[in-house]
PDB file of N, CA and C in Angstrom:
ATOM      1  N   MET A   1      82.209  83.301  58.462  1.00  0.00           N
ATOM      2  CA  MET A   1      81.821  81.999  58.949  1.00  0.00           C
ATOM      3  C   MET A   1      80.481  82.127  59.671  1.00  0.00           C
ATOM      4  N   ALA A   2      79.550  81.227  59.368  1.00  0.00           N
ATOM      5  CA  ALA A   2      78.214  81.258  59.970  1.00  0.00           C
ATOM      6  C   ALA A   2      78.306  80.898  61.448  1.00  0.00           C
ATOM      7  N   PRO A   3      77.461  81.539  62.273  1.00  0.00           N
ATOM      8  CA  PRO A   3      77.478  81.202  63.698  1.00  0.00           C
ATOM      9  C   PRO A   3      77.031  79.760  63.912  1.00  0.00           C
ATOM     10  N   LYS A   4      77.616  79.125  64.930  1.00  0.00           N
ATOM     11  CA  LYS A   4      77.282  77.732  65.237  1.00  0.00           C
ATOM     12  C   LYS A   4      75.847  77.656  65.730  1.00  0.00           C
ATOM     13  N   GLN A   5      75.104  76.697  65.205  1.00  0.00           N
ATOM     14  CA  GLN A   5      73.702  76.526  65.579  1.00  0.00           C
ATOM     15  C   GLN A   5      73.621  75.769  66.907  1.00  0.00           C
ATOM     16  N   GLU A   6      72.777  76.268  67.796  1.00  0.00           N
ATOM     17  CA  GLU A   6      72.574  75.617  69.087  1.00  0.00           C
ATOM     18  C   GLU A   6      71.972  74.234  68.881  1.00  0.00           C
ATOM     19  N   LEU A   7      72.251  73.322  69.812  1.00  0.00           N
ATOM     20  CA  LEU A   7      71.746  71.957  69.727  1.00  0.00           C
ATOM     21  C   LEU A   7      70.215  71.930  69.676  1.00  0.00           C
ATOM     22  N   TYR A   8      69.553  72.724  70.525  1.00  0.00           N
ATOM     23  CA  TYR A   8      68.086  72.725  70.528  1.00  0.00           C
ATOM     24  C   TYR A   8      67.539  73.184  69.186  1.00  0.00           C
ATOM     25  N   GLU A   9      68.263  74.116  68.519  1.00  0.00           N
ATOM     26  CA  GLU A   9      67.815  74.594  67.210  1.00  0.00           C
ATOM     27  C   GLU A   9      67.924  73.493  66.159  1.00  0.00           C
ATOM     28  N   ARG A  10      68.966  72.678  66.250  1.00  0.00           N
ATOM     29  CA  ARG A  10      69.112  71.567  65.315  1.00  0.00           C
ATOM     30  C   ARG A  10      68.000  70.543  65.525  1.00  0.00           C
ATOM     31  N   ILE A  11      67.646  70.293  66.790  1.00  0.00           N
ATOM     32  CA  ILE A  11      66.551  69.362  67.094  1.00  0.00           C
ATOM     33  C   ILE A  11      65.239  69.936  66.583  1.00  0.00           C
ATOM     34  N   LYS A  12      65.022  71.222  66.818  1.00  0.00           N
ATOM     35  CA  LYS A  12      63.809  71.896  66.339  1.00  0.00           C
ATOM     36  C   LYS A  12      63.718  71.791  64.814  1.00  0.00           C
ATOM     37  N   ASP A  13      64.820  72.086  64.132  1.00  0.00           N
ATOM     38  CA  ASP A  13      64.826  72.042  62.667  1.00  0.00           C
ATOM     39  C   ASP A  13      64.527  70.638  62.152  1.00  0.00           C
ATOM     40  N   GLN A  14      65.055  69.633  62.833  1.00  0.00           N
ATOM     41  CA  GLN A  14      64.812  68.252  62.419  1.00  0.00           C
ATOM     42  C   GLN A  14      63.329  67.908  62.546  1.00  0.00           C
ATOM     43  N   PHE A  15      62.708  68.272  63.670  1.00  0.00           N
ATOM     44  CA  PHE A  15      61.282  67.991  63.832  1.00  0.00           C
ATOM     45  C   PHE A  15      60.444  68.833  62.870  1.00  0.00           C
ATOM     46  N   GLU A  16      60.870  70.049  62.611  1.00  0.00           N
ATOM     47  CA  GLU A  16      60.150  70.904  61.662  1.00  0.00           C
ATOM     48  C   GLU A  16      60.123  70.253  60.280  1.00  0.00           C
ATOM     49  N   ARG A  17      61.275  69.728  59.841  1.00  0.00           N
ATOM     50  CA  ARG A  17      61.328  69.048  58.538  1.00  0.00           C
ATOM     51  C   ARG A  17      60.440  67.800  58.538  1.00  0.00           C
ATOM     52  N   LEU A  18      60.483  67.034  59.628  1.00  0.00           N
ATOM     53  CA  LEU A  18      59.647  65.832  59.714  1.00  0.00           C
ATOM     54  C   LEU A  18      58.165  66.187  59.618  1.00  0.00           C
ATOM     55  N   ILE A  19      57.769  67.242  60.299  1.00  0.00           N
ATOM     56  CA  ILE A  19      56.362  67.676  60.282  1.00  0.00           C
ATOM     57  C   ILE A  19      55.990  68.157  58.875  1.00  0.00           C
ATOM     58  N   GLN A  20      56.840  68.985  58.283  1.00  0.00           N
ATOM     59  CA  GLN A  20      56.537  69.514  56.951  1.00  0.00           C
ATOM     60  C   GLN A  20      56.507  68.421  55.891  1.00  0.00           C
ATOM     61  N   ASN A  21      57.257  67.362  56.100  1.00  0.00           N
ATOM     62  CA  ASN A  21      57.281  66.264  55.130  1.00  0.00           C
ATOM     63  C   ASN A  21      56.224  65.209  55.418  1.00  0.00           C
ATOM     64  N   GLY A  22      55.382  65.436  56.429  1.00  0.00           N
ATOM     65  CA  GLY A  22      54.264  64.540  56.693  1.00  0.00           C
ATOM     66  C   GLY A  22      54.567  63.347  57.575  1.00  0.00           C
ATOM     67  N   ALA A  23      55.747  63.301  58.191  1.00  0.00           N
ATOM     68  CA  ALA A  23      56.065  62.193  59.096  1.00  0.00           C
ATOM     69  C   ALA A  23      55.180  62.256  60.347  1.00  0.00           C
ATOM     70  N   TYR A  24      54.796  63.466  60.735  1.00  0.00           N
ATOM     71  CA  TYR A  24      53.849  63.681  61.831  1.00  0.00           C
ATOM     72  C   TYR A  24      52.717  64.526  61.273  1.00  0.00           C
ATOM     73  N   LEU A  25      51.507  64.040  61.409  1.00  0.00           N
ATOM     74  CA  LEU A  25      50.334  64.715  60.855  1.00  0.00           C
ATOM     75  C   LEU A  25      49.643  65.568  61.905  1.00  0.00           C
ATOM     76  N   PRO A  26      48.817  66.539  61.479  1.00  0.00           N
ATOM     77  CA  PRO A  26      48.079  67.355  62.441  1.00  0.00           C
ATOM     78  C   PRO A  26      47.309  66.484  63.438  1.00  0.00           C
ATOM     79  N   GLY A  27      47.439  66.827  64.724  1.00  0.00           N
ATOM     80  CA  GLY A  27      46.772  66.094  65.791  1.00  0.00           C
ATOM     81  C   GLY A  27      47.603  64.961  66.353  1.00  0.00           C
ATOM     82  N   GLU A  28      48.649  64.578  65.639  1.00  0.00           N
ATOM     83  CA  GLU A  28      49.489  63.464  66.069  1.00  0.00           C
ATOM     84  C   GLU A  28      50.500  63.930  67.129  1.00  0.00           C
ATOM     85  N   PRO A  29      50.764  63.081  68.123  1.00  0.00           N
ATOM     86  CA  PRO A  29      51.725  63.479  69.160  1.00  0.00           C
ATOM     87  C   PRO A  29      53.170  63.290  68.685  1.00  0.00           C
ATOM     88  N   LEU A  30      54.040  64.164  69.174  1.00  0.00           N
ATOM     89  CA  LEU A  30      55.470  63.956  69.000  1.00  0.00           C
ATOM     90  C   LEU A  30      55.934  63.010  70.105  1.00  0.00           C
ATOM     91  N   PRO A  31      57.091  62.378  69.936  1.00  0.00           N
ATOM     92  CA  PRO A  31      57.605  61.521  71.005  1.00  0.00           C
ATOM     93  C   PRO A  31      57.815  62.343  72.279  1.00  0.00           C
ATOM     94  N   SER A  32      57.765  61.665  73.421  1.00  0.00           N
ATOM     95  CA  SER A  32      57.941  62.364  74.701  1.00  0.00           C
ATOM     96  C   SER A  32      59.341  62.976  74.780  1.00  0.00           C
ATOM     97  N   LEU A  33      59.460  64.007  75.604  1.00  0.00           N
ATOM     98  CA  LEU A  33      60.751  64.656  75.807  1.00  0.00           C
ATOM     99  C   LEU A  33      61.789  63.634  76.236  1.00  0.00           C
ATOM    100  N   ARG A  34      61.389  62.786  77.166  1.00  0.00           N
ATOM    101  CA  ARG A  34      62.303  61.781  77.709  1.00  0.00           C
ATOM    102  C   ARG A  34      62.800  60.828  76.616  1.00  0.00           C
ATOM    103  N   LYS A  35      61.876  60.373  75.765  1.00  0.00           N
ATOM    104  CA  LYS A  35      62.249  59.437  74.695  1.00  0.00           C
ATOM    105  C   LYS A  35      63.214  60.089  73.714  1.00  0.00           C
ATOM    106  N   VAL A  36      62.914  61.305  73.299  1.00  0.00           N
ATOM    107  CA  VAL A  36      63.793  62.002  72.348  1.00  0.00           C
ATOM    108  C   VAL A  36      65.163  62.229  72.983  1.00  0.00           C
ATOM    109  N   ALA A  37      65.159  62.645  74.259  1.00  0.00           N
ATOM    110  CA  ALA A  37      66.431  62.891  74.954  1.00  0.00           C
ATOM    111  C   ALA A  37      67.265  61.610  75.015  1.00  0.00           C
ATOM    112  N   LEU A  38      66.630  60.488  75.336  1.00  0.00           N
ATOM    113  CA  LEU A  38      67.341  59.209  75.389  1.00  0.00           C
ATOM    114  C   LEU A  38      67.847  58.801  74.008  1.00  0.00           C
ATOM    115  N   ASP A  39      66.983  58.925  72.993  1.00  0.00           N
ATOM    116  CA  ASP A  39      67.365  58.543  71.627  1.00  0.00           C
ATOM    117  C   ASP A  39      68.554  59.354  71.111  1.00  0.00           C
ATOM    118  N   LEU A  40      68.566  60.654  71.454  1.00  0.00           N
ATOM    119  CA  LEU A  40      69.617  61.541  70.950  1.00  0.00           C
ATOM    120  C   LEU A  40      70.798  61.674  71.902  1.00  0.00           C
ATOM    121  N   GLY A  41      70.630  61.176  73.129  1.00  0.00           N
ATOM    122  CA  GLY A  41      71.703  61.297  74.115  1.00  0.00           C
ATOM    123  C   GLY A  41      71.927  62.722  74.567  1.00  0.00           C
ATOM    124  N   VAL A  42      70.816  63.461  74.741  1.00  0.00           N
ATOM    125  CA  VAL A  42      70.906  64.859  75.176  1.00  0.00           C
ATOM    126  C   VAL A  42      70.070  65.054  76.442  1.00  0.00           C
ATOM    127  N   ASN A  43      70.227  66.198  77.053  1.00  0.00           N
ATOM    128  CA  ASN A  43      69.468  66.554  78.243  1.00  0.00           C
ATOM    129  C   ASN A  43      68.007  66.818  77.854  1.00  0.00           C
ATOM    130  N   PRO A  44      67.036  66.314  78.643  1.00  0.00           N
ATOM    131  CA  PRO A  44      65.623  66.586  78.332  1.00  0.00           C
ATOM    132  C   PRO A  44      65.300  68.074  78.236  1.00  0.00           C
ATOM    133  N   ASN A  45      66.043  68.909  78.971  1.00  0.00           N
ATOM    134  CA  ASN A  45      65.798  70.358  78.900  1.00  0.00           C
ATOM    135  C   ASN A  45      66.093  70.908  77.508  1.00  0.00           C
ATOM    136  N   THR A  46      67.054  70.301  76.822  1.00  0.00           N
ATOM    137  CA  THR A  46      67.390  70.720  75.457  1.00  0.00           C
ATOM    138  C   THR A  46      66.227  70.405  74.517  1.00  0.00           C
ATOM    139  N   VAL A  47      65.655  69.226  74.679  1.00  0.00           N
ATOM    140  CA  VAL A  47      64.506  68.833  73.851  1.00  0.00           C
ATOM    141  C   VAL A  47      63.310  69.720  74.185  1.00  0.00           C
ATOM    142  N   GLU A  48      63.130  70.002  75.463  1.00  0.00           N
ATOM    143  CA  GLU A  48      62.018  70.874  75.867  1.00  0.00           C
ATOM    144  C   GLU A  48      62.148  72.252  75.226  1.00  0.00           C
ATOM    145  N   LYS A  49      63.360  72.767  75.159  1.00  0.00           N
ATOM    146  CA  LYS A  49      63.595  74.073  74.529  1.00  0.00           C
ATOM    147  C   LYS A  49      63.257  74.009  73.035  1.00  0.00           C
ATOM    148  N   ALA A  50      63.611  72.893  72.390  1.00  0.00           N
ATOM    149  CA  ALA A  50      63.274  72.721  70.962  1.00  0.00           C
ATOM    150  C   ALA A  50      61.760  72.676  70.779  1.00  0.00           C
ATOM    151  N   TYR A  51      61.062  71.932  71.640  1.00  0.00           N
ATOM    152  CA  TYR A  51      59.603  71.837  71.559  1.00  0.00           C
ATOM    153  C   TYR A  51      58.964  73.201  71.814  1.00  0.00           C
ATOM    154  N   GLN A  52      59.516  73.956  72.763  1.00  0.00           N
ATOM    155  CA  GLN A  52      58.978  75.296  73.045  1.00  0.00           C
ATOM    156  C   GLN A  52      59.121  76.190  71.805  1.00  0.00           C
ATOM    157  N   ALA A  53      60.250  76.077  71.121  1.00  0.00           N
ATOM    158  CA  ALA A  53      60.458  76.879  69.907  1.00  0.00           C
ATOM    159  C   ALA A  53      59.471  76.474  68.813  1.00  0.00           C
ATOM    160  N   LEU A  54      59.190  75.168  68.694  1.00  0.00           N
ATOM    161  CA  LEU A  54      58.185  74.710  67.720  1.00  0.00           C
ATOM    162  C   LEU A  54      56.800  75.243  68.091  1.00  0.00           C
ATOM    163  N   ALA A  55      56.519  75.289  69.385  1.00  0.00           N
ATOM    164  CA  ALA A  55      55.226  75.821  69.848  1.00  0.00           C
ATOM    165  C   ALA A  55      55.117  77.317  69.547  1.00  0.00           C
ATOM    166  N   GLU A  56      56.214  78.042  69.726  1.00  0.00           N
ATOM    167  CA  GLU A  56      56.210  79.478  69.415  1.00  0.00           C
ATOM    168  C   GLU A  56      55.957  79.720  67.932  1.00  0.00           C
ATOM    169  N   ASP A  57      56.428  78.783  67.099  1.00  0.00           N
ATOM    170  CA  ASP A  57      56.197  78.886  65.648  1.00  0.00           C
ATOM    171  C   ASP A  57      54.841  78.319  65.237  1.00  0.00           C
ATOM    172  N   LYS A  58      54.044  77.898  66.228  1.00  0.00           N
ATOM    173  CA  LYS A  58      52.690  77.371  66.006  1.00  0.00           C
ATOM    174  C   LYS A  58      52.666  76.053  65.239  1.00  0.00           C
ATOM    175  N   MET A  59      53.787  75.322  65.247  1.00  0.00           N
ATOM    176  CA  MET A  59      53.833  74.024  64.567  1.00  0.00           C
ATOM    177  C   MET A  59      53.304  72.917  65.467  1.00  0.00           C
ATOM    178  N   ILE A  60      53.463  73.107  66.785  1.00  0.00           N
ATOM    179  CA  ILE A  60      52.945  72.138  67.739  1.00  0.00           C
ATOM    180  C   ILE A  60      52.238  72.867  68.865  1.00  0.00           C
ATOM    181  N   GLU A  61      51.420  72.124  69.574  1.00  0.00           N
ATOM    182  CA  GLU A  61      50.766  72.638  70.773  1.00  0.00           C
ATOM    183  C   GLU A  61      51.196  71.728  71.922  1.00  0.00           C
ATOM    184  N   ILE A  62      51.658  72.344  73.004  1.00  0.00           N
ATOM    185  CA  ILE A  62      52.077  71.580  74.165  1.00  0.00           C
ATOM    186  C   ILE A  62      50.933  71.573  75.167  1.00  0.00           C
ATOM    187  N   ILE A  63      50.447  70.387  75.494  1.00  0.00           N
ATOM    188  CA  ILE A  63      49.356  70.230  76.459  1.00  0.00           C
ATOM    189  C   ILE A  63      49.964  69.617  77.714  1.00  0.00           C
ATOM    190  N   PRO A  64      49.967  70.383  78.818  1.00  0.00           N
ATOM    191  CA  PRO A  64      50.581  69.876  80.046  1.00  0.00           C
ATOM    192  C   PRO A  64      50.051  68.496  80.441  1.00  0.00           C
ATOM    193  N   LYS A  65      50.961  67.631  80.820  1.00  0.00           N
ATOM    194  CA  LYS A  65      50.692  66.265  81.277  1.00  0.00           C
ATOM    195  C   LYS A  65      50.139  65.347  80.191  1.00  0.00           C
ATOM    196  N   LYS A  66      50.076  65.837  78.959  1.00  0.00           N
ATOM    197  CA  LYS A  66      49.595  65.015  77.842  1.00  0.00           C
ATOM    198  C   LYS A  66      50.660  64.867  76.768  1.00  0.00           C
ATOM    199  N   GLY A  67      51.352  65.960  76.449  1.00  0.00           N
ATOM    200  CA  GLY A  67      52.404  65.899  75.451  1.00  0.00           C
ATOM    201  C   GLY A  67      52.345  67.038  74.452  1.00  0.00           C
ATOM    202  N   ALA A  68      53.105  66.859  73.374  1.00  0.00           N
ATOM    203  CA  ALA A  68      53.187  67.851  72.304  1.00  0.00           C
ATOM    204  C   ALA A  68      52.507  67.272  71.071  1.00  0.00           C
ATOM    205  N   PHE A  69      51.622  68.061  70.461  1.00  0.00           N
ATOM    206  CA  PHE A  69      50.825  67.602  69.332  1.00  0.00           C
ATOM    207  C   PHE A  69      50.987  68.551  68.154  1.00  0.00           C
ATOM    208  N   VAL A  70      51.066  67.982  66.958  1.00  0.00           N
ATOM    209  CA  VAL A  70      51.202  68.778  65.742  1.00  0.00           C
ATOM    210  C   VAL A  70      49.909  69.557  65.523  1.00  0.00           C
ATOM    211  N   THR A  71      50.053  70.822  65.191  1.00  0.00           N
ATOM    212  CA  THR A  71      48.892  71.671  64.923  1.00  0.00           C
ATOM    213  C   THR A  71      48.551  71.622  63.434  1.00  0.00           C
ATOM    214  N   SER A  72      47.480  72.261  63.064  1.00  0.00           N
ATOM    215  CA  SER A  72      47.089  72.374  61.657  1.00  0.00           C
ATOM    216  C   SER A  72      47.707  73.651  61.109  1.00  0.00           C
ATOM    217  N   PHE A  73      49.020  73.639  60.944  1.00  0.00           N
ATOM    218  CA  PHE A  73      49.732  74.805  60.446  1.00  0.00           C
ATOM    219  C   PHE A  73      49.699  74.817  58.924  1.00  0.00           C
ATOM    220  N   ARG A  74      50.016  75.949  58.362  1.00  0.00           N
ATOM    221  CA  ARG A  74      50.078  76.064  56.901  1.00  0.00           C
ATOM    222  C   ARG A  74      51.542  76.054  56.473  1.00  0.00           C
ATOM    223  N   VAL A  75      51.907  75.076  55.687  1.00  0.00           N
ATOM    224  CA  VAL A  75      53.270  74.955  55.199  1.00  0.00           C
ATOM    225  C   VAL A  75      53.519  76.024  54.137  1.00  0.00           C
ATOM    226  N   ASN A  76      54.729  76.517  54.091  1.00  0.00           N
ATOM    227  CA  ASN A  76      55.097  77.487  53.068  1.00  0.00           C
ATOM    228  C   ASN A  76      54.993  76.804  51.700  1.00  0.00           C
ATOM    229  N   ILE A  77      54.108  77.301  50.869  1.00  0.00           N
ATOM    230  CA  ILE A  77      53.851  76.645  49.577  1.00  0.00           C
ATOM    231  C   ILE A  77      54.414  77.420  48.394  1.00  0.00           C
ATOM    232  N   ASN A  78      55.286  78.374  48.662  1.00  0.00           N
ATOM    233  CA  ASN A  78      55.800  79.203  47.567  1.00  0.00           C
ATOM    234  C   ASN A  78      56.505  78.389  46.500  1.00  0.00           C
ATOM    235  N   ASP A  79      57.304  77.392  46.889  1.00  0.00           N
ATOM    236  CA  ASP A  79      58.006  76.571  45.901  1.00  0.00           C
ATOM    237  C   ASP A  79      57.021  75.789  45.039  1.00  0.00           C
ATOM    238  N   ASP A  80      55.997  75.233  45.683  1.00  0.00           N
ATOM    239  CA  ASP A  80      54.994  74.471  44.934  1.00  0.00           C
ATOM    240  C   ASP A  80      54.220  75.371  43.974  1.00  0.00           C
ATOM    241  N   LEU A  81      53.903  76.587  44.421  1.00  0.00           N
ATOM    242  CA  LEU A  81      53.191  77.515  43.545  1.00  0.00           C
ATOM    243  C   LEU A  81      54.056  77.933  42.355  1.00  0.00           C
ATOM    244  N   ALA A  82      55.354  78.043  42.570  1.00  0.00           N
ATOM    245  CA  ALA A  82      56.256  78.389  41.464  1.00  0.00           C
ATOM    246  C   ALA A  82      56.252  77.277  40.418  1.00  0.00           C
ATOM    247  N   ILE A  83      56.245  76.022  40.872  1.00  0.00           N
ATOM    248  CA  ILE A  83      56.193  74.884  39.943  1.00  0.00           C
ATOM    249  C   ILE A  83      54.863  74.883  39.196  1.00  0.00           C
ATOM    250  N   LEU A  84      53.766  75.110  39.912  1.00  0.00           N
ATOM    251  CA  LEU A  84      52.447  75.156  39.285  1.00  0.00           C
ATOM    252  C   LEU A  84      52.395  76.267  38.239  1.00  0.00           C
ATOM    253  N   ASN A  85      52.981  77.398  38.556  1.00  0.00           N
ATOM    254  CA  ASN A  85      53.019  78.517  37.614  1.00  0.00           C
ATOM    255  C   ASN A  85      53.752  78.122  36.337  1.00  0.00           C
ATOM    256  N   GLN A  86      54.863  77.394  36.463  1.00  0.00           N
ATOM    257  CA  GLN A  86      55.604  76.936  35.288  1.00  0.00           C
ATOM    258  C   GLN A  86      54.760  75.987  34.441  1.00  0.00           C
ATOM    259  N   VAL A  87      54.049  75.074  35.099  1.00  0.00           N
ATOM    260  CA  VAL A  87      53.214  74.113  34.384  1.00  0.00           C
ATOM    261  C   VAL A  87      52.089  74.840  33.650  1.00  0.00           C
ATOM    262  N   ILE A  88      51.442  75.757  34.332  1.00  0.00           N
ATOM    263  CA  ILE A  88      50.342  76.498  33.703  1.00  0.00           C
ATOM    264  C   ILE A  88      50.861  77.310  32.517  1.00  0.00           C
ATOM    265  N   THR A  89      52.021  77.912  32.654  1.00  0.00           N
ATOM    266  CA  THR A  89      52.614  78.679  31.554  1.00  0.00           C
ATOM    267  C   THR A  89      52.839  77.786  30.339  1.00  0.00           C
ATOM    268  N   ARG A  90      53.323  76.550  30.570  1.00  0.00           N
ATOM    269  CA  ARG A  90      53.524  75.609  29.453  1.00  0.00           C
ATOM    270  C   ARG A  90      52.190  75.194  28.842  1.00  0.00           C
ATOM    271  N   LEU A  91      51.185  74.980  29.691  1.00  0.00           N
ATOM    272  CA  LEU A  91      49.881  74.546  29.179  1.00  0.00           C
ATOM    273  C   LEU A  91      49.195  75.635  28.357  1.00  0.00           C
ATOM    274  N   LYS A  92      49.448  76.898  28.668  1.00  0.00           N
ATOM    275  CA  LYS A  92      48.814  78.007  27.949  1.00  0.00           C
ATOM    276  C   LYS A  92      49.121  77.983  26.452  1.00  0.00           C
ATOM    277  N   SER A  93      50.248  77.395  26.098  1.00  0.00           N
ATOM    278  CA  SER A  93      50.595  77.338  24.673  1.00  0.00           C
ATOM    279  C   SER A  93      49.830  76.225  23.949  1.00  0.00           C
ATOM    280  N   LYS A  94      49.166  75.346  24.709  1.00  0.00           N
ATOM    281  CA  LYS A  94      48.478  74.198  24.115  1.00  0.00           C
ATOM    282  C   LYS A  94      46.975  74.195  24.372  1.00  0.00           C
ATOM    283  N   LEU A  95      46.539  74.858  25.451  1.00  0.00           N
ATOM    284  CA  LEU A  95      45.128  74.825  25.845  1.00  0.00           C
ATOM    285  C   LEU A  95      44.614  76.227  26.123  1.00  0.00           C
ATOM    286  N   THR A  96      43.303  76.359  26.088  1.00  0.00           N
ATOM    287  CA  THR A  96      42.696  77.635  26.485  1.00  0.00           C
ATOM    288  C   THR A  96      42.659  77.708  28.005  1.00  0.00           C
ATOM    289  N   GLU A  97      42.442  78.893  28.499  1.00  0.00           N
ATOM    290  CA  GLU A  97      42.342  79.087  29.951  1.00  0.00           C
ATOM    291  C   GLU A  97      41.200  78.240  30.527  1.00  0.00           C
ATOM    292  N   GLU A  98      40.080  78.205  29.816  1.00  0.00           N
ATOM    293  CA  GLU A  98      38.926  77.429  30.269  1.00  0.00           C
ATOM    294  C   GLU A  98      39.252  75.933  30.344  1.00  0.00           C
ATOM    295  N   GLU A  99      39.997  75.430  29.341  1.00  0.00           N
ATOM    296  CA  GLU A  99      40.381  74.018  29.343  1.00  0.00           C
ATOM    297  C   GLU A  99      41.318  73.704  30.523  1.00  0.00           C
ATOM    298  N   ILE A 100      42.258  74.593  30.774  1.00  0.00           N
ATOM    299  CA  ILE A 100      43.176  74.394  31.904  1.00  0.00           C
ATOM    300  C   ILE A 100      42.388  74.337  33.215  1.00  0.00           C
ATOM    301  N   ILE A 101      41.470  75.289  33.395  1.00  0.00           N
ATOM    302  CA  ILE A 101      40.658  75.335  34.620  1.00  0.00           C
ATOM    303  C   ILE A 101      39.801  74.080  34.743  1.00  0.00           C
ATOM    304  N   THR A 102      39.211  73.637  33.643  1.00  0.00           N
ATOM    305  CA  THR A 102      38.390  72.415  33.658  1.00  0.00           C
ATOM    306  C   THR A 102      39.225  71.215  34.086  1.00  0.00           C
ATOM    307  N   TYR A 103      40.417  71.055  33.497  1.00  0.00           N
ATOM    308  CA  TYR A 103      41.289  69.935  33.873  1.00  0.00           C
ATOM    309  C   TYR A 103      41.694  70.015  35.346  1.00  0.00           C
ATOM    310  N   MET A 104      42.004  71.225  35.808  1.00  0.00           N
ATOM    311  CA  MET A 104      42.420  71.388  37.204  1.00  0.00           C
ATOM    312  C   MET A 104      41.286  71.031  38.160  1.00  0.00           C
ATOM    313  N   LYS A 105      40.077  71.484  37.845  1.00  0.00           N
ATOM    314  CA  LYS A 105      38.926  71.163  38.692  1.00  0.00           C
ATOM    315  C   LYS A 105      38.689  69.657  38.727  1.00  0.00           C
ATOM    316  N   LYS A 106      38.784  69.009  37.564  1.00  0.00           N
ATOM    317  CA  LYS A 106      38.593  67.551  37.507  1.00  0.00           C
ATOM    318  C   LYS A 106      39.683  66.842  38.317  1.00  0.00           C
ATOM    319  N   TYR A 107      40.900  67.320  38.193  1.00  0.00           N
ATOM    320  CA  TYR A 107      42.010  66.705  38.918  1.00  0.00           C
ATOM    321  C   TYR A 107      41.815  66.838  40.434  1.00  0.00           C
ATOM    322  N   ILE A 108      41.434  68.014  40.880  1.00  0.00           N
ATOM    323  CA  ILE A 108      41.214  68.242  42.314  1.00  0.00           C
ATOM    324  C   ILE A 108      40.092  67.355  42.846  1.00  0.00           C
ATOM    325  N   LYS A 109      39.052  67.165  42.034  1.00  0.00           N
ATOM    326  CA  LYS A 109      37.933  66.317  42.453  1.00  0.00           C
ATOM    327  C   LYS A 109      38.230  64.821  42.296  1.00  0.00           C
ATOM    328  N   GLY A 110      39.388  64.496  41.718  1.00  0.00           N
ATOM    329  CA  GLY A 110      39.747  63.100  41.517  1.00  0.00           C
ATOM    330  C   GLY A 110      39.086  62.474  40.307  1.00  0.00           C
ATOM    331  N   GLU A 111      38.589  63.305  39.397  1.00  0.00           N
ATOM    332  CA  GLU A 111      37.882  62.801  38.216  1.00  0.00           C
ATOM    333  C   GLU A 111      38.784  62.676  37.001  1.00  0.00           C
ATOM    334  N   TYR A 112      39.977  63.237  37.073  1.00  0.00           N
ATOM    335  CA  TYR A 112      40.864  63.224  35.903  1.00  0.00           C
ATOM    336  C   TYR A 112      41.741  61.983  35.951  1.00  0.00           C
ATOM    337  N   HIS A 113      41.816  61.290  34.833  1.00  0.00           N
ATOM    338  CA  HIS A 113      42.675  60.118  34.695  1.00  0.00           C
ATOM    339  C   HIS A 113      43.443  60.241  33.400  1.00  0.00           C
ATOM    340  N   ASP A 114      44.669  59.731  33.370  1.00  0.00           N
ATOM    341  CA  ASP A 114      45.506  59.778  32.163  1.00  0.00           C
ATOM    342  C   ASP A 114      44.839  59.107  30.992  1.00  0.00           C
TER     343      ASP A 114
END
């Protein structure tokens, strides 16, 4: 049986998912400790512990008397790269490497249209 997850860890995980999914963007503030504590019905110290854990993971920066702000962290992109690898593998049977690179460059620049 898996060990029970601490409440602060569940709060941390929830904010981590929100940040990774773009609900909070780099530079954007998270809600105040007090607001989160009231919304969740938990002690503010529990929320503070969750925010401290996010800060240790470099996902947020805590600025005293100002709040907690999302940092410019790098999201784990391994899953996305695996999907891209599958797409490129399929394209190799239909296009040359140069054609694939040309399409990718156009797409990144916003020049490619269906």
